[in-house]
Amino acid sequence: KNRTGFVSPFELGVLMRALGHPLTDEDLRNITAENDRCVTLADFLTIMAKREQDISLQEKLKDGFLVFDRDRSGYINVGTREDRYRSEFYTQMTSLGPNPWDEKEFEEFMSEYLGIEPVASRGGQGNANEDGEVDY
């Protein structure tokens, strides 16, 4: 507004919210710490490019998840610990595509999700080891 070529942290927060990319206080601190408490047009464009890439990646991941979420429940069945290797998800991940996973790669992938306890999207109730269901 004052034609200095910079926006203040407050102005950046307003601008980002108006564009549908609200920033947390921590985001603002990190951005302004990197840019000496003022943001240039180039800084702003870099921030927006990263935000758009993040959103694009999330959309691609959700689209990929939907391939396995056939009933659109928001969950895919990965089997319980006892029958995981009989699940459709296991079969597809270890047999489809140009580079299907081996058993070890599948276990590494699952361990990242299963290691998060309690699962926030379940309201802290239950986990995939108990019911065999994984959410996005």
N, C-alpha and C. Protein backbone atom coordinates (compact mmCIF):
# COMPACT_ATOMS: atom_id res chain seq x y z
N LYS A 1 0.82 -1.20 0.00
CA LYS A 1 0.00 0.00 0.00
C LYS A 1 0.86 1.26 0.00
N ASN A 2 1.96 1.23 0.72
CA ASN A 2 2.79 2.43 0.83
C ASN A 2 3.93 2.45 -0.19
N ARG A 3 3.91 1.51 -1.12
CA ARG A 3 4.85 1.45 -2.25
C ARG A 3 6.33 1.32 -1.84
N THR A 4 6.58 0.56 -0.80
CA THR A 4 7.97 0.32 -0.39
C THR A 4 8.55 -0.91 -1.07
N GLY A 5 7.68 -1.73 -1.66
CA GLY A 5 8.14 -2.97 -2.25
C GLY A 5 8.16 -4.13 -1.26
N PHE A 6 7.64 -3.89 -0.08
CA PHE A 6 7.60 -4.89 0.98
C PHE A 6 6.20 -4.94 1.58
N VAL A 7 5.89 -6.10 2.18
CA VAL A 7 4.68 -6.18 3.00
C VAL A 7 5.10 -6.61 4.39
N SER A 8 4.37 -6.14 5.37
CA SER A 8 4.64 -6.50 6.75
C SER A 8 4.10 -7.90 7.02
N PRO A 9 4.53 -8.52 8.11
CA PRO A 9 3.97 -9.82 8.46
C PRO A 9 2.45 -9.80 8.58
N PHE A 10 1.91 -8.75 9.17
CA PHE A 10 0.45 -8.64 9.29
C PHE A 10 -0.20 -8.59 7.91
N GLU A 11 0.35 -7.75 7.01
CA GLU A 11 -0.21 -7.64 5.65
C GLU A 11 -0.09 -8.96 4.90
N LEU A 12 1.02 -9.67 5.11
CA LEU A 12 1.19 -10.97 4.46
C LEU A 12 0.11 -11.94 4.95
N GLY A 13 -0.15 -11.95 6.24
CA GLY A 13 -1.19 -12.82 6.79
C GLY A 13 -2.55 -12.53 6.19
N VAL A 14 -2.89 -11.24 6.07
CA VAL A 14 -4.17 -10.84 5.46
C VAL A 14 -4.22 -11.28 4.01
N LEU A 15 -3.15 -11.04 3.27
CA LEU A 15 -3.09 -11.39 1.86
C LEU A 15 -3.23 -12.90 1.67
N MET A 16 -2.50 -13.67 2.44
CA MET A 16 -2.56 -15.13 2.30
C MET A 16 -3.95 -15.67 2.65
N ARG A 17 -4.57 -15.14 3.69
CA ARG A 17 -5.94 -15.55 4.04
C ARG A 17 -6.90 -15.24 2.90
N ALA A 18 -6.75 -14.06 2.30
CA ALA A 18 -7.63 -13.65 1.20
C ALA A 18 -7.47 -14.58 0.00
N LEU A 19 -6.30 -15.18 -0.15
CA LEU A 19 -6.04 -16.09 -1.27
C LEU A 19 -6.33 -17.55 -0.92
N GLY A 20 -6.87 -17.77 0.28
CA GLY A 20 -7.23 -19.13 0.68
C GLY A 20 -6.08 -19.94 1.25
N HIS A 21 -5.02 -19.26 1.68
CA HIS A 21 -3.86 -19.94 2.27
C HIS A 21 -3.53 -19.32 3.62
N PRO A 22 -4.39 -19.52 4.61
CA PRO A 22 -4.12 -18.90 5.91
C PRO A 22 -2.80 -19.41 6.50
N LEU A 23 -2.10 -18.52 7.17
CA LEU A 23 -0.83 -18.84 7.79
C LEU A 23 -1.00 -18.94 9.30
N THR A 24 -0.31 -19.86 9.91
CA THR A 24 -0.29 -19.93 11.36
C THR A 24 0.72 -18.89 11.86
N ASP A 25 0.68 -18.63 13.16
CA ASP A 25 1.66 -17.71 13.74
C ASP A 25 3.07 -18.24 13.52
N GLU A 26 3.23 -19.55 13.61
CA GLU A 26 4.54 -20.16 13.38
C GLU A 26 5.00 -19.96 11.93
N ASP A 27 4.06 -20.12 10.97
CA ASP A 27 4.40 -19.86 9.56
C ASP A 27 4.92 -18.44 9.40
N LEU A 28 4.20 -17.49 9.97
CA LEU A 28 4.60 -16.09 9.86
C LEU A 28 5.98 -15.85 10.48
N ARG A 29 6.20 -16.45 11.65
CA ARG A 29 7.52 -16.29 12.29
C ARG A 29 8.63 -16.85 11.41
N ASN A 30 8.40 -18.02 10.84
CA ASN A 30 9.42 -18.65 9.99
C ASN A 30 9.68 -17.83 8.74
N ILE A 31 8.63 -17.36 8.11
CA ILE A 31 8.78 -16.58 6.88
C ILE A 31 9.50 -15.27 7.15
N THR A 32 9.07 -14.57 8.17
CA THR A 32 9.68 -13.27 8.44
C THR A 32 11.09 -13.41 9.00
N ALA A 33 11.39 -14.50 9.70
CA ALA A 33 12.76 -14.72 10.19
C ALA A 33 13.71 -14.92 9.02
N GLU A 34 13.22 -15.61 7.99
CA GLU A 34 14.04 -15.85 6.80
C GLU A 34 14.21 -14.59 5.96
N ASN A 35 13.30 -13.64 6.11
CA ASN A 35 13.28 -12.48 5.22
C ASN A 35 13.41 -11.15 5.97
N ASP A 36 14.10 -11.16 7.10
CA ASP A 36 14.36 -9.93 7.86
C ASP A 36 13.11 -9.12 8.17
N ARG A 37 12.04 -9.82 8.57
CA ARG A 37 10.78 -9.22 9.03
C ARG A 37 10.03 -8.44 7.96
N CYS A 38 10.41 -8.56 6.70
CA CYS A 38 9.63 -7.96 5.62
C CYS A 38 9.65 -8.92 4.44
N VAL A 39 8.63 -8.87 3.62
CA VAL A 39 8.49 -9.82 2.53
C VAL A 39 8.41 -9.05 1.22
N THR A 40 9.25 -9.44 0.27
CA THR A 40 9.24 -8.82 -1.06
C THR A 40 8.28 -9.57 -1.97
N LEU A 41 8.06 -9.05 -3.15
CA LEU A 41 7.23 -9.73 -4.14
C LEU A 41 7.83 -11.09 -4.48
N ALA A 42 9.14 -11.14 -4.65
CA ALA A 42 9.80 -12.41 -4.97
C ALA A 42 9.59 -13.42 -3.85
N ASP A 43 9.70 -12.98 -2.59
CA ASP A 43 9.46 -13.87 -1.45
C ASP A 43 8.02 -14.39 -1.48
N PHE A 44 7.09 -13.48 -1.73
CA PHE A 44 5.67 -13.83 -1.76
C PHE A 44 5.42 -14.87 -2.85
N LEU A 45 5.97 -14.67 -4.03
CA LEU A 45 5.76 -15.61 -5.14
C LEU A 45 6.34 -16.98 -4.82
N THR A 46 7.47 -17.02 -4.14
CA THR A 46 8.07 -18.29 -3.72
C THR A 46 7.17 -18.99 -2.71
N ILE A 47 6.66 -18.25 -1.75
CA ILE A 47 5.75 -18.81 -0.74
C ILE A 47 4.51 -19.39 -1.41
N MET A 48 3.92 -18.63 -2.32
CA MET A 48 2.70 -19.09 -3.00
C MET A 48 2.96 -20.31 -3.87
N ALA A 49 4.10 -20.33 -4.56
CA ALA A 49 4.43 -21.48 -5.41
C ALA A 49 4.53 -22.75 -4.56
N LYS A 50 5.17 -22.64 -3.40
CA LYS A 50 5.29 -23.80 -2.51
C LYS A 50 3.92 -24.23 -2.00
N ARG A 51 3.08 -23.28 -1.62
CA ARG A 51 1.74 -23.62 -1.12
C ARG A 51 0.94 -24.34 -2.21
N GLU A 52 1.01 -23.84 -3.44
CA GLU A 52 0.27 -24.46 -4.53
C GLU A 52 0.79 -25.86 -4.81
N GLN A 53 2.10 -26.07 -4.73
CA GLN A 53 2.67 -27.41 -4.92
C GLN A 53 2.18 -28.35 -3.84
N ASP A 54 2.14 -27.86 -2.59
CA ASP A 54 1.67 -28.68 -1.49
C ASP A 54 0.22 -29.11 -1.70
N ILE A 55 -0.61 -28.17 -2.14
CA ILE A 55 -2.02 -28.48 -2.39
C ILE A 55 -2.15 -29.47 -3.54
N SER A 56 -1.37 -29.28 -4.59
CA SER A 56 -1.39 -30.19 -5.73
C SER A 56 -1.00 -31.60 -5.30
N LEU A 57 0.03 -31.71 -4.47
CA LEU A 57 0.47 -33.02 -3.98
C LEU A 57 -0.63 -33.66 -3.14
N GLN A 58 -1.26 -32.89 -2.26
CA GLN A 58 -2.34 -33.44 -1.43
C GLN A 58 -3.48 -33.95 -2.30
N GLU A 59 -3.82 -33.22 -3.35
CA GLU A 59 -4.89 -33.65 -4.24
C GLU A 59 -4.52 -34.95 -4.96
N LYS A 60 -3.27 -35.06 -5.39
CA LYS A 60 -2.82 -36.29 -6.04
C LYS A 60 -2.86 -37.46 -5.07
N LEU A 61 -2.44 -37.23 -3.82
CA LEU A 61 -2.48 -38.30 -2.83
C LEU A 61 -3.92 -38.73 -2.55
N LYS A 62 -4.83 -37.76 -2.45
CA LYS A 62 -6.24 -38.11 -2.21
C LYS A 62 -6.80 -38.90 -3.39
N ASP A 63 -6.45 -38.48 -4.61
CA ASP A 63 -6.91 -39.22 -5.80
C ASP A 63 -6.39 -40.65 -5.78
N GLY A 64 -5.12 -40.81 -5.39
CA GLY A 64 -4.55 -42.15 -5.29
C GLY A 64 -5.24 -42.97 -4.21
N PHE A 65 -5.54 -42.34 -3.10
CA PHE A 65 -6.23 -43.03 -2.01
C PHE A 65 -7.60 -43.51 -2.47
N LEU A 66 -8.29 -42.69 -3.27
CA LEU A 66 -9.63 -43.05 -3.73
C LEU A 66 -9.64 -44.29 -4.61
N VAL A 67 -8.52 -44.60 -5.24
CA VAL A 67 -8.43 -45.83 -6.03
C VAL A 67 -8.70 -47.04 -5.12
N PHE A 68 -8.23 -46.95 -3.88
CA PHE A 68 -8.40 -48.05 -2.95
C PHE A 68 -9.66 -47.91 -2.09
N ASP A 69 -10.19 -46.71 -1.98
CA ASP A 69 -11.39 -46.44 -1.16
C ASP A 69 -12.63 -46.56 -2.05
N ARG A 70 -12.94 -47.76 -2.43
CA ARG A 70 -14.00 -47.99 -3.41
C ARG A 70 -15.38 -47.57 -2.93
N ASP A 71 -15.65 -47.71 -1.64
CA ASP A 71 -16.98 -47.34 -1.14
C ASP A 71 -17.04 -45.89 -0.67
N ARG A 72 -15.95 -45.16 -0.83
CA ARG A 72 -15.84 -43.74 -0.49
C ARG A 72 -16.17 -43.47 0.98
N SER A 73 -15.78 -44.40 1.83
CA SER A 73 -16.03 -44.27 3.27
C SER A 73 -14.98 -43.40 3.95
N GLY A 74 -13.87 -43.14 3.24
CA GLY A 74 -12.77 -42.42 3.85
C GLY A 74 -11.75 -43.35 4.46
N TYR A 75 -11.97 -44.66 4.35
CA TYR A 75 -11.06 -45.66 4.88
C TYR A 75 -10.78 -46.71 3.82
N ILE A 76 -9.59 -47.31 3.91
CA ILE A 76 -9.29 -48.48 3.09
C ILE A 76 -8.93 -49.61 4.03
N ASN A 77 -9.28 -50.83 3.63
CA ASN A 77 -9.00 -51.98 4.45
C ASN A 77 -7.61 -52.50 4.13
N VAL A 78 -6.76 -52.52 5.14
CA VAL A 78 -5.40 -53.04 4.97
C VAL A 78 -5.22 -54.35 5.72
N GLY A 79 -6.29 -54.82 6.31
CA GLY A 79 -6.22 -56.05 7.08
C GLY A 79 -5.66 -55.80 8.47
N THR A 80 -6.01 -56.65 9.38
CA THR A 80 -5.45 -56.56 10.72
C THR A 80 -4.07 -57.20 10.70
N ARG A 81 -3.37 -57.11 11.78
CA ARG A 81 -2.01 -57.66 11.85
C ARG A 81 -1.99 -59.14 11.43
N GLU A 82 -3.03 -59.88 11.80
CA GLU A 82 -3.07 -61.32 11.51
C GLU A 82 -3.33 -61.62 10.03
N ASP A 83 -4.10 -60.80 9.35
CA ASP A 83 -4.45 -61.13 7.96
C ASP A 83 -4.03 -60.07 6.94
N ARG A 84 -3.09 -59.21 7.31
CA ARG A 84 -2.66 -58.12 6.44
C ARG A 84 -2.23 -58.60 5.07
N TYR A 85 -1.55 -59.76 5.01
CA TYR A 85 -1.02 -60.24 3.74
C TYR A 85 -2.09 -60.86 2.85
N ARG A 86 -3.30 -60.95 3.35
CA ARG A 86 -4.42 -61.43 2.53
C ARG A 86 -5.30 -60.27 2.06
N SER A 87 -4.99 -59.05 2.47
CA SER A 87 -5.85 -57.92 2.10
C SER A 87 -5.69 -57.54 0.64
N GLU A 88 -6.74 -56.99 0.07
CA GLU A 88 -6.70 -56.52 -1.32
C GLU A 88 -5.66 -55.42 -1.47
N PHE A 89 -5.54 -54.56 -0.46
CA PHE A 89 -4.56 -53.48 -0.52
C PHE A 89 -3.14 -54.04 -0.65
N TYR A 90 -2.82 -55.03 0.16
CA TYR A 90 -1.50 -55.66 0.08
C TYR A 90 -1.28 -56.25 -1.31
N THR A 91 -2.27 -56.97 -1.79
CA THR A 91 -2.14 -57.61 -3.10
C THR A 91 -1.90 -56.59 -4.20
N GLN A 92 -2.64 -55.50 -4.17
CA GLN A 92 -2.47 -54.48 -5.20
C GLN A 92 -1.12 -53.77 -5.09
N MET A 93 -0.71 -53.44 -3.88
CA MET A 93 0.54 -52.70 -3.71
C MET A 93 1.76 -53.56 -4.05
N THR A 94 1.62 -54.87 -3.95
CA THR A 94 2.77 -55.75 -4.23
C THR A 94 2.70 -56.42 -5.59
N SER A 95 1.70 -56.03 -6.40
CA SER A 95 1.61 -56.67 -7.71
C SER A 95 1.34 -55.71 -8.86
N LEU A 96 0.84 -54.51 -8.58
CA LEU A 96 0.48 -53.59 -9.66
C LEU A 96 1.56 -52.55 -9.94
N GLY A 97 1.52 -52.01 -11.13
CA GLY A 97 2.41 -50.92 -11.49
C GLY A 97 3.77 -51.39 -11.97
N PRO A 98 4.56 -50.44 -12.45
CA PRO A 98 5.87 -50.81 -12.99
C PRO A 98 6.88 -51.24 -11.92
N ASN A 99 6.68 -50.80 -10.68
CA ASN A 99 7.60 -51.15 -9.59
C ASN A 99 6.82 -51.57 -8.35
N PRO A 100 6.20 -52.76 -8.39
CA PRO A 100 5.44 -53.17 -7.20
C PRO A 100 6.36 -53.34 -6.00
N TRP A 101 5.80 -53.12 -4.81
CA TRP A 101 6.57 -53.24 -3.58
C TRP A 101 6.80 -54.70 -3.24
N ASP A 102 7.89 -54.95 -2.54
CA ASP A 102 8.07 -56.27 -1.96
C ASP A 102 7.49 -56.21 -0.54
N GLU A 103 7.51 -57.34 0.15
CA GLU A 103 6.91 -57.41 1.49
C GLU A 103 7.56 -56.42 2.45
N LYS A 104 8.87 -56.26 2.38
CA LYS A 104 9.59 -55.35 3.28
C LYS A 104 9.16 -53.90 3.04
N GLU A 105 9.05 -53.50 1.77
CA GLU A 105 8.64 -52.13 1.45
C GLU A 105 7.22 -51.86 1.95
N PHE A 106 6.35 -52.84 1.78
CA PHE A 106 4.98 -52.70 2.27
C PHE A 106 4.97 -52.53 3.78
N GLU A 107 5.74 -53.34 4.49
CA GLU A 107 5.80 -53.25 5.95
C GLU A 107 6.35 -51.89 6.40
N GLU A 108 7.36 -51.38 5.70
CA GLU A 108 7.91 -50.06 6.04
C GLU A 108 6.84 -48.99 5.86
N PHE A 109 6.11 -49.05 4.76
CA PHE A 109 5.03 -48.11 4.49
C PHE A 109 3.98 -48.17 5.59
N MET A 110 3.55 -49.36 5.93
CA MET A 110 2.51 -49.52 6.95
C MET A 110 3.02 -49.11 8.32
N SER A 111 4.28 -49.35 8.61
CA SER A 111 4.80 -49.02 9.94
C SER A 111 4.77 -47.52 10.19
N GLU A 112 4.91 -46.72 9.14
CA GLU A 112 4.84 -45.28 9.31
C GLU A 112 3.45 -44.86 9.78
N TYR A 113 2.43 -45.47 9.21
CA TYR A 113 1.06 -45.14 9.62
C TYR A 113 0.73 -45.77 10.97
N LEU A 114 1.06 -47.02 11.12
CA LEU A 114 0.69 -47.73 12.34
C LEU A 114 1.45 -47.24 13.55
N GLY A 115 2.56 -46.56 13.34
CA GLY A 115 3.34 -46.04 14.45
C GLY A 115 2.76 -44.80 15.08
N ILE A 116 1.75 -44.22 14.44
CA ILE A 116 1.13 -43.00 14.95
C ILE A 116 -0.05 -43.39 15.83
N GLU A 117 0.09 -43.20 17.10
CA GLU A 117 -0.97 -43.56 18.05
C GLU A 117 -1.18 -42.42 19.03
N PRO A 118 -2.38 -42.09 19.42
CA PRO A 118 -3.62 -42.52 18.80
C PRO A 118 -3.86 -41.75 17.50
N VAL A 119 -4.68 -42.29 16.64
CA VAL A 119 -4.94 -41.68 15.34
C VAL A 119 -5.94 -40.53 15.54
N ALA A 120 -5.48 -39.32 15.24
CA ALA A 120 -6.30 -38.13 15.50
C ALA A 120 -7.62 -38.15 14.76
N SER A 121 -7.64 -38.61 13.51
CA SER A 121 -8.88 -38.59 12.73
C SER A 121 -9.93 -39.55 13.28
N ARG A 122 -9.53 -40.42 14.16
CA ARG A 122 -10.47 -41.33 14.79
C ARG A 122 -10.86 -40.83 16.17
N GLY A 123 -10.55 -39.60 16.44
CA GLY A 123 -10.86 -39.05 17.76
C GLY A 123 -10.08 -39.73 18.86
N GLY A 124 -8.91 -40.28 18.49
CA GLY A 124 -8.09 -40.97 19.47
C GLY A 124 -8.60 -42.36 19.80
N GLN A 125 -9.60 -42.85 19.04
CA GLN A 125 -10.20 -44.15 19.30
C GLN A 125 -9.72 -45.17 18.28
N GLY A 126 -9.28 -46.30 18.73
CA GLY A 126 -8.94 -47.40 17.85
C GLY A 126 -7.74 -47.12 16.97
N ASN A 127 -7.31 -48.16 16.27
CA ASN A 127 -6.21 -48.02 15.33
C ASN A 127 -6.30 -49.11 14.28
N ALA A 128 -5.51 -48.95 13.24
CA ALA A 128 -5.56 -49.88 12.11
C ALA A 128 -5.13 -51.29 12.50
N ASN A 129 -4.29 -51.42 13.51
CA ASN A 129 -3.91 -52.76 13.96
C ASN A 129 -5.11 -53.52 14.52
N GLU A 130 -6.07 -52.78 15.09
CA GLU A 130 -7.24 -53.42 15.69
C GLU A 130 -8.33 -53.75 14.66
N ASP A 131 -8.61 -52.76 13.76
CA ASP A 131 -9.74 -52.98 12.84
C ASP A 131 -9.34 -53.09 11.37
N GLY A 132 -8.07 -52.90 11.04
CA GLY A 132 -7.62 -53.05 9.67
C GLY A 132 -7.99 -51.92 8.74
N GLU A 133 -8.45 -50.80 9.29
CA GLU A 133 -8.89 -49.68 8.47
C GLU A 133 -7.90 -48.52 8.57
N VAL A 134 -7.52 -47.94 7.43
CA VAL A 134 -6.62 -46.81 7.36
C VAL A 134 -7.37 -45.65 6.71
N ASP A 135 -7.26 -44.45 7.29
CA ASP A 135 -7.92 -43.28 6.71
C ASP A 135 -6.89 -42.41 5.98
N TYR A 136 -7.39 -41.52 5.13
CA TYR A 136 -6.49 -40.65 4.38
C TYR A 136 -5.71 -39.79 5.32
